[in-house]
């Protein structure tokens, strides 16, 4: 079992910044990828940013140039730096560790991000 603990969410004004953290209870490199998803009320969950074990990154089109995913192998932590936030970024952001050697994936509990206009 792997535990993922997110932090860093909060209330911010339009144009502001936040950095989300996702601390894993074991090496993040034991997974094919680490990713951030978000889900706004009444909407489907969507993938925001992903980094593979081979360091390949990809982003949701609407956040390209504003969000950056990074990781710290020493702390087994994945970050999501979010700049120039917009009200449409308001959602619960969740971290996921995708597919270890057994094929298992894990989710954190989520952290709320609210962007006021």
PDB file of N, CA and C in Angstrom:
ATOM      1  N   UNK A   1       0.839  -1.187   0.000  1.00  0.00           N
ATOM      2  CA  UNK A   1       0.000   0.000   0.000  1.00  0.00           C
ATOM      3  C   UNK A   1       0.881   1.245   0.000  1.00  0.00           C
ATOM      4  N   UNK A   2       0.443   2.250  -0.724  1.00  0.00           N
ATOM      5  CA  UNK A   2       1.179   3.511  -0.818  1.00  0.00           C
ATOM      6  C   UNK A   2       0.277   4.635  -0.348  1.00  0.00           C
ATOM      7  N   UNK A   3       0.851   5.502   0.423  1.00  0.00           N
ATOM      8  CA  UNK A   3       0.094   6.657   0.898  1.00  0.00           C
ATOM      9  C   UNK A   3       0.573   7.902   0.170  1.00  0.00           C
ATOM     10  N   UNK A   4      -0.367   8.676  -0.348  1.00  0.00           N
ATOM     11  CA  UNK A   4      -0.077   9.946  -1.009  1.00  0.00           C
ATOM     12  C   UNK A   4      -0.781  11.050  -0.229  1.00  0.00           C
ATOM     13  N   UNK A   5      -0.032  12.053   0.161  1.00  0.00           N
ATOM     14  CA  UNK A   5      -0.592  13.144   0.951  1.00  0.00           C
ATOM     15  C   UNK A   5      -0.356  14.454   0.226  1.00  0.00           C
ATOM     16  N   UNK A   6      -1.461  15.096  -0.185  1.00  0.00           N
ATOM     17  CA  UNK A   6      -1.363  16.374  -0.880  1.00  0.00           C
ATOM     18  C   UNK A   6      -1.461  17.516   0.115  1.00  0.00           C
ATOM     19  N   UNK A   7      -0.861  18.622  -0.251  1.00  0.00           N
ATOM     20  CA  UNK A   7      -0.965  19.845   0.536  1.00  0.00           C
ATOM     21  C   UNK A   7      -0.721  21.027  -0.379  1.00  0.00           C
ATOM     22  N   UNK A   8      -1.015  22.218   0.120  1.00  0.00           N
ATOM     23  CA  UNK A   8      -0.713  23.430  -0.623  1.00  0.00           C
ATOM     24  C   UNK A   8      -1.903  24.108  -1.266  1.00  0.00           C
ATOM     25  N   UNK A   9      -3.064  23.494  -1.186  1.00  0.00           N
ATOM     26  CA  UNK A   9      -4.233  24.140  -1.759  1.00  0.00           C
ATOM     27  C   UNK A   9      -4.677  25.329  -0.925  1.00  0.00           C
ATOM     28  N   UNK A  10      -5.639  26.065  -1.453  1.00  0.00           N
ATOM     29  CA  UNK A  10      -6.140  27.206  -0.714  1.00  0.00           C
ATOM     30  C   UNK A  10      -6.926  28.137  -1.600  1.00  0.00           C
ATOM     31  N   UNK A  11      -7.161  29.336  -1.068  1.00  0.00           N
ATOM     32  CA  UNK A  11      -7.899  30.373  -1.777  1.00  0.00           C
ATOM     33  C   UNK A  11      -6.910  31.421  -2.286  1.00  0.00           C
ATOM     34  N   UNK A  12      -7.018  31.746  -3.554  1.00  0.00           N
ATOM     35  CA  UNK A  12      -6.110  32.709  -4.147  1.00  0.00           C
ATOM     36  C   UNK A  12      -6.896  33.568  -5.139  1.00  0.00           C
ATOM     37  N   UNK A  13      -6.433  34.777  -5.355  1.00  0.00           N
ATOM     38  CA  UNK A  13      -7.097  35.654  -6.314  1.00  0.00           C
ATOM     39  C   UNK A  13      -6.641  35.333  -7.734  1.00  0.00           C
ATOM     40  N   UNK A  14      -7.427  35.736  -8.696  1.00  0.00           N
ATOM     41  CA  UNK A  14      -7.062  35.580 -10.106  1.00  0.00           C
ATOM     42  C   UNK A  14      -5.681  36.190 -10.350  1.00  0.00           C
ATOM     43  N   UNK A  15      -4.854  35.420 -11.051  1.00  0.00           N
ATOM     44  CA  UNK A  15      -3.498  35.868 -11.323  1.00  0.00           C
ATOM     45  C   UNK A  15      -2.477  35.423 -10.292  1.00  0.00           C
ATOM     46  N   UNK A  16      -2.956  34.857  -9.205  1.00  0.00           N
ATOM     47  CA  UNK A  16      -2.064  34.419  -8.146  1.00  0.00           C
ATOM     48  C   UNK A  16      -1.433  33.075  -8.439  1.00  0.00           C
ATOM     49  N   UNK A  17      -0.645  32.600  -7.472  1.00  0.00           N
ATOM     50  CA  UNK A  17       0.092  31.348  -7.629  1.00  0.00           C
ATOM     51  C   UNK A  17      -0.078  30.462  -6.409  1.00  0.00           C
ATOM     52  N   UNK A  18       0.041  29.173  -6.642  1.00  0.00           N
ATOM     53  CA  UNK A  18       0.067  28.187  -5.575  1.00  0.00           C
ATOM     54  C   UNK A  18       1.024  27.071  -5.980  1.00  0.00           C
ATOM     55  N   UNK A  19       1.582  26.396  -4.990  1.00  0.00           N
ATOM     56  CA  UNK A  19       2.362  25.204  -5.263  1.00  0.00           C
ATOM     57  C   UNK A  19       1.775  24.057  -4.463  1.00  0.00           C
ATOM     58  N   UNK A  20       1.310  23.049  -5.172  1.00  0.00           N
ATOM     59  CA  UNK A  20       0.786  21.849  -4.535  1.00  0.00           C
ATOM     60  C   UNK A  20       1.913  20.840  -4.352  1.00  0.00           C
ATOM     61  N   UNK A  21       1.834  20.099  -3.272  1.00  0.00           N
ATOM     62  CA  UNK A  21       2.809  19.050  -2.992  1.00  0.00           C
ATOM     63  C   UNK A  21       2.093  17.726  -2.811  1.00  0.00           C
ATOM     64  N   UNK A  22       2.741  16.662  -3.219  1.00  0.00           N
ATOM     65  CA  UNK A  22       2.220  15.309  -3.043  1.00  0.00           C
ATOM     66  C   UNK A  22       3.370  14.450  -2.522  1.00  0.00           C
ATOM     67  N   UNK A  23       3.280  14.101  -1.252  1.00  0.00           N
ATOM     68  CA  UNK A  23       4.330  13.312  -0.623  1.00  0.00           C
ATOM     69  C   UNK A  23       3.931  11.838  -0.637  1.00  0.00           C
ATOM     70  N   UNK A  24       4.802  11.009  -1.200  1.00  0.00           N
ATOM     71  CA  UNK A  24       4.533   9.571  -1.310  1.00  0.00           C
ATOM     72  C   UNK A  24       5.282   8.814  -0.218  1.00  0.00           C
ATOM     73  N   UNK A  25       4.699   7.682   0.183  1.00  0.00           N
ATOM     74  CA  UNK A  25       5.295   6.897   1.262  1.00  0.00           C
ATOM     75  C   UNK A  25       6.365   5.937   0.762  1.00  0.00           C
ATOM     76  N   UNK A  26       6.580   5.898  -0.545  1.00  0.00           N
ATOM     77  CA  UNK A  26       7.705   5.142  -1.086  1.00  0.00           C
ATOM     78  C   UNK A  26       8.179   5.814  -2.361  1.00  0.00           C
ATOM     79  N   UNK A  27       9.257   5.314  -2.935  1.00  0.00           N
ATOM     80  CA  UNK A  27       9.885   5.953  -4.077  1.00  0.00           C
ATOM     81  C   UNK A  27       8.899   6.205  -5.217  1.00  0.00           C
ATOM     82  N   UNK A  28       8.866   7.461  -5.665  1.00  0.00           N
ATOM     83  CA  UNK A  28       7.988   7.804  -6.782  1.00  0.00           C
ATOM     84  C   UNK A  28       8.482   7.179  -8.083  1.00  0.00           C
ATOM     85  N   UNK A  29       9.712   6.740  -8.113  1.00  0.00           N
ATOM     86  CA  UNK A  29      10.260   6.113  -9.325  1.00  0.00           C
ATOM     87  C   UNK A  29       9.872   4.635  -9.421  1.00  0.00           C
ATOM     88  N   UNK A  30       9.146   4.141  -8.442  1.00  0.00           N
ATOM     89  CA  UNK A  30       8.621   2.784  -8.541  1.00  0.00           C
ATOM     90  C   UNK A  30       7.323   2.745  -9.343  1.00  0.00           C
ATOM     91  N   UNK A  31       6.905   3.911  -9.835  1.00  0.00           N
ATOM     92  CA  UNK A  31       5.687   4.023 -10.628  1.00  0.00           C
ATOM     93  C   UNK A  31       6.015   4.473 -12.043  1.00  0.00           C
ATOM     94  N   UNK A  32       5.152   4.078 -12.991  1.00  0.00           N
ATOM     95  CA  UNK A  32       5.358   4.505 -14.373  1.00  0.00           C
ATOM     96  C   UNK A  32       5.268   6.012 -14.512  1.00  0.00           C
ATOM     97  N   UNK A  33       4.397   6.611 -13.737  1.00  0.00           N
ATOM     98  CA  UNK A  33       4.217   8.050 -13.818  1.00  0.00           C
ATOM     99  C   UNK A  33       3.566   8.571 -12.544  1.00  0.00           C
ATOM    100  N   UNK A  34       3.762   9.845 -12.312  1.00  0.00           N
ATOM    101  CA  UNK A  34       3.052  10.566 -11.265  1.00  0.00           C
ATOM    102  C   UNK A  34       2.249  11.659 -11.960  1.00  0.00           C
ATOM    103  N   UNK A  35       1.049  11.892 -11.480  1.00  0.00           N
ATOM    104  CA  UNK A  35       0.192  12.846 -12.180  1.00  0.00           C
ATOM    105  C   UNK A  35      -0.690  13.612 -11.210  1.00  0.00           C
ATOM    106  N   UNK A  36      -1.124  14.755 -11.675  1.00  0.00           N
ATOM    107  CA  UNK A  36      -2.122  15.564 -10.977  1.00  0.00           C
ATOM    108  C   UNK A  36      -3.392  15.590 -11.815  1.00  0.00           C
ATOM    109  N   UNK A  37      -4.511  15.348 -11.158  1.00  0.00           N
ATOM    110  CA  UNK A  37      -5.831  15.449 -11.762  1.00  0.00           C
ATOM    111  C   UNK A  37      -6.611  16.516 -10.999  1.00  0.00           C
ATOM    112  N   UNK A  38      -7.679  16.980 -11.614  1.00  0.00           N
ATOM    113  CA  UNK A  38      -8.569  17.894 -10.914  1.00  0.00           C
ATOM    114  C   UNK A  38     -10.022  17.590 -11.292  1.00  0.00           C
ATOM    115  N   UNK A  39     -10.895  17.942 -10.370  1.00  0.00           N
ATOM    116  CA  UNK A  39     -12.317  17.771 -10.619  1.00  0.00           C
ATOM    117  C   UNK A  39     -13.057  18.954 -10.025  1.00  0.00           C
ATOM    118  N   UNK A  40     -13.742  19.671 -10.894  1.00  0.00           N
ATOM    119  CA  UNK A  40     -14.568  20.790 -10.472  1.00  0.00           C
ATOM    120  C   UNK A  40     -15.992  20.299 -10.249  1.00  0.00           C
ATOM    121  N   UNK A  41     -16.770  21.004  -9.448  1.00  0.00           N
ATOM    122  CA  UNK A  41     -18.156  20.570  -9.194  1.00  0.00           C
ATOM    123  C   UNK A  41     -18.941  20.429 -10.485  1.00  0.00           C
ATOM    124  N   UNK A  42     -19.593  19.288 -10.658  1.00  0.00           N
ATOM    125  CA  UNK A  42     -20.426  19.065 -11.827  1.00  0.00           C
ATOM    126  C   UNK A  42     -19.672  18.722 -13.093  1.00  0.00           C
ATOM    127  N   UNK A  43     -18.356  18.578 -12.977  1.00  0.00           N
ATOM    128  CA  UNK A  43     -17.547  18.278 -14.157  1.00  0.00           C
ATOM    129  C   UNK A  43     -16.800  16.975 -13.982  1.00  0.00           C
ATOM    130  N   UNK A  44     -16.357  16.416 -15.099  1.00  0.00           N
ATOM    131  CA  UNK A  44     -15.569  15.191 -15.043  1.00  0.00           C
ATOM    132  C   UNK A  44     -14.151  15.482 -14.588  1.00  0.00           C
ATOM    133  N   UNK A  45     -13.560  14.486 -13.963  1.00  0.00           N
ATOM    134  CA  UNK A  45     -12.164  14.616 -13.574  1.00  0.00           C
ATOM    135  C   UNK A  45     -11.299  14.675 -14.825  1.00  0.00           C
ATOM    136  N   UNK A  46     -10.279  15.529 -14.777  1.00  0.00           N
ATOM    137  CA  UNK A  46      -9.389  15.659 -15.930  1.00  0.00           C
ATOM    138  C   UNK A  46      -7.939  15.633 -15.485  1.00  0.00           C
ATOM    139  N   UNK A  47      -7.103  15.107 -16.367  1.00  0.00           N
ATOM    140  CA  UNK A  47      -5.679  15.067 -16.107  1.00  0.00           C
ATOM    141  C   UNK A  47      -5.089  16.436 -16.360  1.00  0.00           C
ATOM    142  N   UNK A  48      -4.353  16.958 -15.402  1.00  0.00           N
ATOM    143  CA  UNK A  48      -3.770  18.295 -15.504  1.00  0.00           C
ATOM    144  C   UNK A  48      -2.313  18.231 -15.944  1.00  0.00           C
ATOM    145  N   UNK A  49      -1.540  17.374 -15.310  1.00  0.00           N
ATOM    146  CA  UNK A  49      -0.114  17.284 -15.612  1.00  0.00           C
ATOM    147  C   UNK A  49       0.390  15.903 -15.213  1.00  0.00           C
ATOM    148  N   UNK A  50       1.356  15.421 -15.989  1.00  0.00           N
ATOM    149  CA  UNK A  50       1.926  14.093 -15.722  1.00  0.00           C
ATOM    150  C   UNK A  50       3.413  14.127 -15.985  1.00  0.00           C
ATOM    151  N   UNK A  51       4.149  13.403 -15.149  1.00  0.00           N
ATOM    152  CA  UNK A  51       5.579  13.202 -15.396  1.00  0.00           C
ATOM    153  C   UNK A  51       5.859  11.713 -15.312  1.00  0.00           C
ATOM    154  N   UNK A  52       6.493  11.168 -16.343  1.00  0.00           N
ATOM    155  CA  UNK A  52       6.787   9.738 -16.354  1.00  0.00           C
ATOM    156  C   UNK A  52       8.094   9.460 -15.623  1.00  0.00           C
ATOM    157  N   UNK A  53       8.342   8.195 -15.393  1.00  0.00           N
ATOM    158  CA  UNK A  53       9.594   7.820 -14.742  1.00  0.00           C
ATOM    159  C   UNK A  53      10.790   8.200 -15.607  1.00  0.00           C
ATOM    160  N   UNK A  54      10.540   8.330 -16.908  1.00  0.00           N
ATOM    161  CA  UNK A  54      11.590   8.755 -17.829  1.00  0.00           C
ATOM    162  C   UNK A  54      11.659  10.255 -18.017  1.00  0.00           C
ATOM    163  N   UNK A  55      10.956  10.986 -17.164  1.00  0.00           N
ATOM    164  CA  UNK A  55      10.982  12.454 -17.133  1.00  0.00           C
ATOM    165  C   UNK A  55      10.208  13.128 -18.257  1.00  0.00           C
ATOM    166  N   UNK A  56       9.386  12.379 -18.967  1.00  0.00           N
ATOM    167  CA  UNK A  56       8.545  13.003 -19.983  1.00  0.00           C
ATOM    168  C   UNK A  56       7.347  13.651 -19.281  1.00  0.00           C
ATOM    169  N   UNK A  57       7.043  14.868 -19.695  1.00  0.00           N
ATOM    170  CA  UNK A  57       5.919  15.577 -19.086  1.00  0.00           C
ATOM    171  C   UNK A  57       4.857  15.871 -20.136  1.00  0.00           C
ATOM    172  N   UNK A  58       3.625  15.940 -19.697  1.00  0.00           N
ATOM    173  CA  UNK A  58       2.577  16.462 -20.566  1.00  0.00           C
ATOM    174  C   UNK A  58       1.546  17.173 -19.708  1.00  0.00           C
ATOM    175  N   UNK A  59       0.859  18.109 -20.357  1.00  0.00           N
ATOM    176  CA  UNK A  59      -0.049  19.010 -19.660  1.00  0.00           C
ATOM    177  C   UNK A  59      -1.373  19.145 -20.403  1.00  0.00           C
ATOM    178  N   UNK A  60      -2.400  19.415 -19.627  1.00  0.00           N
ATOM    179  CA  UNK A  60      -3.681  19.810 -20.181  1.00  0.00           C
ATOM    180  C   UNK A  60      -3.465  21.103 -20.963  1.00  0.00           C
ATOM    181  N   UNK A  61      -4.073  21.204 -22.138  1.00  0.00           N
ATOM    182  CA  UNK A  61      -3.831  22.377 -22.982  1.00  0.00           C
ATOM    183  C   UNK A  61      -4.095  23.690 -22.248  1.00  0.00           C
ATOM    184  N   UNK A  62      -5.130  23.729 -21.447  1.00  0.00           N
ATOM    185  CA  UNK A  62      -5.529  24.991 -20.814  1.00  0.00           C
ATOM    186  C   UNK A  62      -4.564  25.446 -19.722  1.00  0.00           C
ATOM    187  N   UNK A  63      -3.638  24.581 -19.313  1.00  0.00           N
ATOM    188  CA  UNK A  63      -2.688  24.980 -18.267  1.00  0.00           C
ATOM    189  C   UNK A  63      -1.263  25.098 -18.790  1.00  0.00           C
ATOM    190  N   UNK A  64      -1.051  24.768 -20.049  1.00  0.00           N
ATOM    191  CA  UNK A  64       0.298  24.865 -20.611  1.00  0.00           C
ATOM    192  C   UNK A  64       0.826  26.287 -20.501  1.00  0.00           C
ATOM    193  N   UNK A  65       2.063  26.392 -20.056  1.00  0.00           N
ATOM    194  CA  UNK A  65       2.670  27.704 -19.873  1.00  0.00           C
ATOM    195  C   UNK A  65       2.371  28.326 -18.523  1.00  0.00           C
ATOM    196  N   UNK A  66       1.433  27.774 -17.788  1.00  0.00           N
ATOM    197  CA  UNK A  66       1.091  28.313 -16.461  1.00  0.00           C
ATOM    198  C   UNK A  66       1.435  27.335 -15.328  1.00  0.00           C
ATOM    199  N   UNK A  67       1.288  26.052 -15.585  1.00  0.00           N
ATOM    200  CA  UNK A  67       1.537  25.016 -14.567  1.00  0.00           C
ATOM    201  C   UNK A  67       2.812  24.262 -14.902  1.00  0.00           C
ATOM    202  N   UNK A  68       3.520  23.846 -13.861  1.00  0.00           N
ATOM    203  CA  UNK A  68       4.725  23.052 -14.033  1.00  0.00           C
ATOM    204  C   UNK A  68       4.733  21.909 -13.021  1.00  0.00           C
ATOM    205  N   UNK A  69       4.909  20.708 -13.516  1.00  0.00           N
ATOM    206  CA  UNK A  69       5.033  19.553 -12.631  1.00  0.00           C
ATOM    207  C   UNK A  69       6.512  19.252 -12.437  1.00  0.00           C
ATOM    208  N   UNK A  70       6.879  18.945 -11.211  1.00  0.00           N
ATOM    209  CA  UNK A  70       8.264  18.609 -10.921  1.00  0.00           C
ATOM    210  C   UNK A  70       8.285  17.583  -9.795  1.00  0.00           C
ATOM    211  N   UNK A  71       9.469  17.071  -9.513  1.00  0.00           N
ATOM    212  CA  UNK A  71       9.556  16.053  -8.466  1.00  0.00           C
ATOM    213  C   UNK A  71      10.889  16.132  -7.757  1.00  0.00           C
ATOM    214  N   UNK A  72      10.884  15.649  -6.529  1.00  0.00           N
ATOM    215  CA  UNK A  72      12.078  15.596  -5.705  1.00  0.00           C
ATOM    216  C   UNK A  72      12.239  14.149  -5.268  1.00  0.00           C
ATOM    217  N   UNK A  73      13.198  13.452  -5.860  1.00  0.00           N
ATOM    218  CA  UNK A  73      13.362  12.032  -5.562  1.00  0.00           C
ATOM    219  C   UNK A  73      13.828  11.802  -4.128  1.00  0.00           C
ATOM    220  N   UNK A  74      14.561  12.750  -3.581  1.00  0.00           N
ATOM    221  CA  UNK A  74      15.064  12.594  -2.217  1.00  0.00           C
ATOM    222  C   UNK A  74      13.923  12.570  -1.205  1.00  0.00           C
ATOM    223  N   UNK A  75      12.883  13.350  -1.487  1.00  0.00           N
ATOM    224  CA  UNK A  75      11.739  13.451  -0.572  1.00  0.00           C
ATOM    225  C   UNK A  75      10.525  12.669  -1.055  1.00  0.00           C
ATOM    226  N   UNK A  76      10.676  11.998  -2.217  1.00  0.00           N
ATOM    227  CA  UNK A  76       9.536  11.274  -2.806  1.00  0.00           C
ATOM    228  C   UNK A  76       8.314  12.173  -2.912  1.00  0.00           C
ATOM    229  N   UNK A  77       8.542  13.371  -3.415  1.00  0.00           N
ATOM    230  CA  UNK A  77       7.470  14.360  -3.503  1.00  0.00           C
ATOM    231  C   UNK A  77       7.340  14.869  -4.928  1.00  0.00           C
ATOM    232  N   UNK A  78       6.098  15.032  -5.341  1.00  0.00           N
ATOM    233  CA  UNK A  78       5.795  15.619  -6.643  1.00  0.00           C
ATOM    234  C   UNK A  78       5.106  16.949  -6.395  1.00  0.00           C
ATOM    235  N   UNK A  79       5.468  17.935  -7.194  1.00  0.00           N
ATOM    236  CA  UNK A  79       4.932  19.275  -7.029  1.00  0.00           C
ATOM    237  C   UNK A  79       4.152  19.695  -8.277  1.00  0.00           C
ATOM    238  N   UNK A  80       3.224  20.605  -8.062  1.00  0.00           N
ATOM    239  CA  UNK A  80       2.546  21.261  -9.169  1.00  0.00           C
ATOM    240  C   UNK A  80       2.571  22.749  -8.884  1.00  0.00           C
ATOM    241  N   UNK A  81       3.398  23.445  -9.623  1.00  0.00           N
ATOM    242  CA  UNK A  81       3.469  24.895  -9.494  1.00  0.00           C
ATOM    243  C   UNK A  81       2.429  25.481 -10.431  1.00  0.00           C
ATOM    244  N   UNK A  82       1.557  26.301  -9.896  1.00  0.00           N
ATOM    245  CA  UNK A  82       0.470  26.887 -10.669  1.00  0.00           C
ATOM    246  C   UNK A  82       0.577  28.399 -10.620  1.00  0.00           C
ATOM    247  N   UNK A  83       0.824  28.993 -11.771  1.00  0.00           N
ATOM    248  CA  UNK A  83       0.930  30.445 -11.887  1.00  0.00           C
ATOM    249  C   UNK A  83      -0.231  31.006 -12.692  1.00  0.00           C
ATOM    250  N   UNK A  84      -0.442  32.305 -12.538  1.00  0.00           N
ATOM    251  CA  UNK A  84      -1.495  33.000 -13.299  1.00  0.00           C
ATOM    252  C   UNK A  84      -2.822  32.231 -13.213  1.00  0.00           C
ATOM    253  N   UNK A  85      -3.224  31.930 -12.007  1.00  0.00           N
ATOM    254  CA  UNK A  85      -4.430  31.132 -11.804  1.00  0.00           C
ATOM    255  C   UNK A  85      -5.676  31.877 -12.233  1.00  0.00           C
ATOM    256  N   UNK A  86      -6.625  31.109 -12.731  1.00  0.00           N
ATOM    257  CA  UNK A  86      -7.879  31.649 -13.233  1.00  0.00           C
ATOM    258  C   UNK A  86      -9.039  31.003 -12.469  1.00  0.00           C
ATOM    259  N   UNK A  87     -10.194  31.654 -12.436  1.00  0.00           N
ATOM    260  CA  UNK A  87     -11.346  31.051 -11.739  1.00  0.00           C
ATOM    261  C   UNK A  87     -11.685  29.654 -12.253  1.00  0.00           C
ATOM    262  N   UNK A  88     -11.455  29.408 -13.529  1.00  0.00           N
ATOM    263  CA  UNK A  88     -11.761  28.081 -14.082  1.00  0.00           C
ATOM    264  C   UNK A  88     -10.791  26.996 -13.626  1.00  0.00           C
ATOM    265  N   UNK A  89      -9.747  27.386 -12.911  1.00  0.00           N
ATOM    266  CA  UNK A  89      -8.841  26.400 -12.317  1.00  0.00           C
ATOM    267  C   UNK A  89      -9.364  25.888 -10.979  1.00  0.00           C
ATOM    268  N   UNK A  90     -10.435  26.480 -10.490  1.00  0.00           N
ATOM    269  CA  UNK A  90     -11.006  26.059  -9.218  1.00  0.00           C
ATOM    270  C   UNK A  90     -11.464  24.606  -9.296  1.00  0.00           C
ATOM    271  N   UNK A  91     -10.965  23.783  -8.375  1.00  0.00           N
ATOM    272  CA  UNK A  91     -11.271  22.355  -8.380  1.00  0.00           C
ATOM    273  C   UNK A  91     -10.602  21.694  -7.180  1.00  0.00           C
ATOM    274  N   UNK A  92     -10.943  20.427  -6.973  1.00  0.00           N
ATOM    275  CA  UNK A  92     -10.170  19.591  -6.062  1.00  0.00           C
ATOM    276  C   UNK A  92      -9.066  18.936  -6.877  1.00  0.00           C
ATOM    277  N   UNK A  93      -7.839  19.139  -6.446  1.00  0.00           N
ATOM    278  CA  UNK A  93      -6.678  18.597  -7.146  1.00  0.00           C
ATOM    279  C   UNK A  93      -6.192  17.356  -6.394  1.00  0.00           C
ATOM    280  N   UNK A  94      -6.011  16.274  -7.145  1.00  0.00           N
ATOM    281  CA  UNK A  94      -5.575  15.012  -6.550  1.00  0.00           C
ATOM    282  C   UNK A  94      -4.321  14.511  -7.244  1.00  0.00           C
ATOM    283  N   UNK A  95      -3.488  13.900  -6.451  1.00  0.00           N
ATOM    284  CA  UNK A  95      -2.251  13.316  -6.941  1.00  0.00           C
ATOM    285  C   UNK A  95      -2.471  11.821  -7.147  1.00  0.00           C
ATOM    286  N   UNK A  96      -1.863  11.275  -8.178  1.00  0.00           N
ATOM    287  CA  UNK A  96      -1.941   9.847  -8.404  1.00  0.00           C
ATOM    288  C   UNK A  96      -0.574   9.275  -8.747  1.00  0.00           C
ATOM    289  N   UNK A  97      -0.318   8.093  -8.249  1.00  0.00           N
ATOM    290  CA  UNK A  97       0.863   7.313  -8.599  1.00  0.00           C
ATOM    291  C   UNK A  97       0.363   6.201  -9.510  1.00  0.00           C
ATOM    292  N   UNK A  98       0.834   6.226 -10.756  1.00  0.00           N
ATOM    293  CA  UNK A  98       0.260   5.364 -11.778  1.00  0.00           C
ATOM    294  C   UNK A  98       1.109   4.125 -12.031  1.00  0.00           C
ATOM    295  N   UNK A  99       0.576   2.964 -11.737  1.00  0.00           N
ATOM    296  CA  UNK A  99       1.064   1.641 -12.109  1.00  0.00           C
ATOM    297  C   UNK A  99       2.483   1.340 -11.617  1.00  0.00           C
ATOM    298  N   UNK A 100       2.517   0.622 -10.505  1.00  0.00           N
ATOM    299  CA  UNK A 100       3.802   0.096 -10.067  1.00  0.00           C
ATOM    300  C   UNK A 100       4.022  -1.267 -10.736  1.00  0.00           C
ATOM    301  N   UNK A 101       4.991  -2.020 -10.260  1.00  0.00           N
ATOM    302  CA  UNK A 101       5.332  -3.295 -10.905  1.00  0.00           C
ATOM    303  C   UNK A 101       4.203  -4.322 -10.831  1.00  0.00           C
ATOM    304  N   UNK A 102       3.269  -4.116  -9.910  1.00  0.00           N
ATOM    305  CA  UNK A 102       2.126  -5.031  -9.800  1.00  0.00           C
ATOM    306  C   UNK A 102       0.926  -4.533 -10.600  1.00  0.00           C
ATOM    307  N   UNK A 103       1.058  -3.361 -11.199  1.00  0.00           N
ATOM    308  CA  UNK A 103      -0.036  -2.764 -11.936  1.00  0.00           C
ATOM    309  C   UNK A 103      -0.951  -1.888 -11.103  1.00  0.00           C
ATOM    310  N   UNK A 104      -0.640  -1.744  -9.826  1.00  0.00           N
ATOM    311  CA  UNK A 104      -1.495  -0.967  -8.942  1.00  0.00           C
ATOM    312  C   UNK A 104      -1.239   0.524  -9.093  1.00  0.00           C
ATOM    313  N   UNK A 105      -2.292   1.304  -8.923  1.00  0.00           N
ATOM    314  CA  UNK A 105      -2.215   2.756  -8.906  1.00  0.00           C
ATOM    315  C   UNK A 105      -2.838   3.257  -7.609  1.00  0.00           C
ATOM    316  N   UNK A 106      -2.427   4.433  -7.209  1.00  0.00           N
ATOM    317  CA  UNK A 106      -2.873   4.970  -5.930  1.00  0.00           C
ATOM    318  C   UNK A 106      -3.255   6.435  -6.079  1.00  0.00           C
ATOM    319  N   UNK A 107      -4.181   6.878  -5.208  1.00  0.00           N
ATOM    320  CA  UNK A 107      -4.673   8.252  -5.217  1.00  0.00           C
ATOM    321  C   UNK A 107      -4.521   8.875  -3.834  1.00  0.00           C
ATOM    322  N   UNK A 108      -4.272  10.160  -3.846  1.00  0.00           N
ATOM    323  CA  UNK A 108      -4.311  10.919  -2.612  1.00  0.00           C
ATOM    324  C   UNK A 108      -5.735  11.364  -2.322  1.00  0.00           C
ATOM    325  N   UNK A 109      -5.881  12.088  -1.199  1.00  0.00           N
ATOM    326  CA  UNK A 109      -7.219  12.478  -0.768  1.00  0.00           C
ATOM    327  C   UNK A 109      -7.705  13.757  -1.447  1.00  0.00           C
ATOM    328  N   UNK A 110      -6.805  14.493  -2.046  1.00  0.00           N
ATOM    329  CA  UNK A 110      -7.178  15.717  -2.745  1.00  0.00           C
ATOM    330  C   UNK A 110      -7.005  16.962  -1.903  1.00  0.00           C
ATOM    331  N   UNK A 111      -6.800  18.078  -2.585  1.00  0.00           N
ATOM    332  CA  UNK A 111      -6.686  19.365  -1.923  1.00  0.00           C
ATOM    333  C   UNK A 111      -7.466  20.397  -2.740  1.00  0.00           C
ATOM    334  N   UNK A 112      -8.193  21.248  -2.040  1.00  0.00           N
ATOM    335  CA  UNK A 112      -9.063  22.209  -2.717  1.00  0.00           C
ATOM    336  C   UNK A 112      -8.275  23.434  -3.149  1.00  0.00           C
ATOM    337  N   UNK A 113      -8.475  23.815  -4.396  1.00  0.00           N
ATOM    338  CA  UNK A 113      -7.931  25.070  -4.926  1.00  0.00           C
ATOM    339  C   UNK A 113      -9.110  25.926  -5.368  1.00  0.00           C
ATOM    340  N   UNK A 114      -9.183  27.129  -4.822  1.00  0.00           N
ATOM    341  CA  UNK A 114     -10.254  28.047  -5.173  1.00  0.00           C
ATOM    342  C   UNK A 114      -9.647  29.356  -5.645  1.00  0.00           C
ATOM    343  N   UNK A 115     -10.026  29.765  -6.847  1.00  0.00           N
ATOM    344  CA  UNK A 115      -9.508  31.007  -7.425  1.00  0.00           C
ATOM    345  C   UNK A 115     -10.656  31.996  -7.518  1.00  0.00           C
ATOM    346  N   UNK A 116     -10.530  33.098  -6.814  1.00  0.00           N
ATOM    347  CA  UNK A 116     -11.593  34.096  -6.807  1.00  0.00           C
ATOM    348  C   UNK A 116     -11.363  35.118  -7.912  1.00  0.00           C
ATOM    349  N   UNK A 117     -12.462  35.614  -8.456  1.00  0.00           N
ATOM    350  CA  UNK A 117     -12.353  36.592  -9.549  1.00  0.00           C
ATOM    351  C   UNK A 117     -12.325  38.008  -9.019  1.00  0.00           C
TER     352      UNK A 117
END
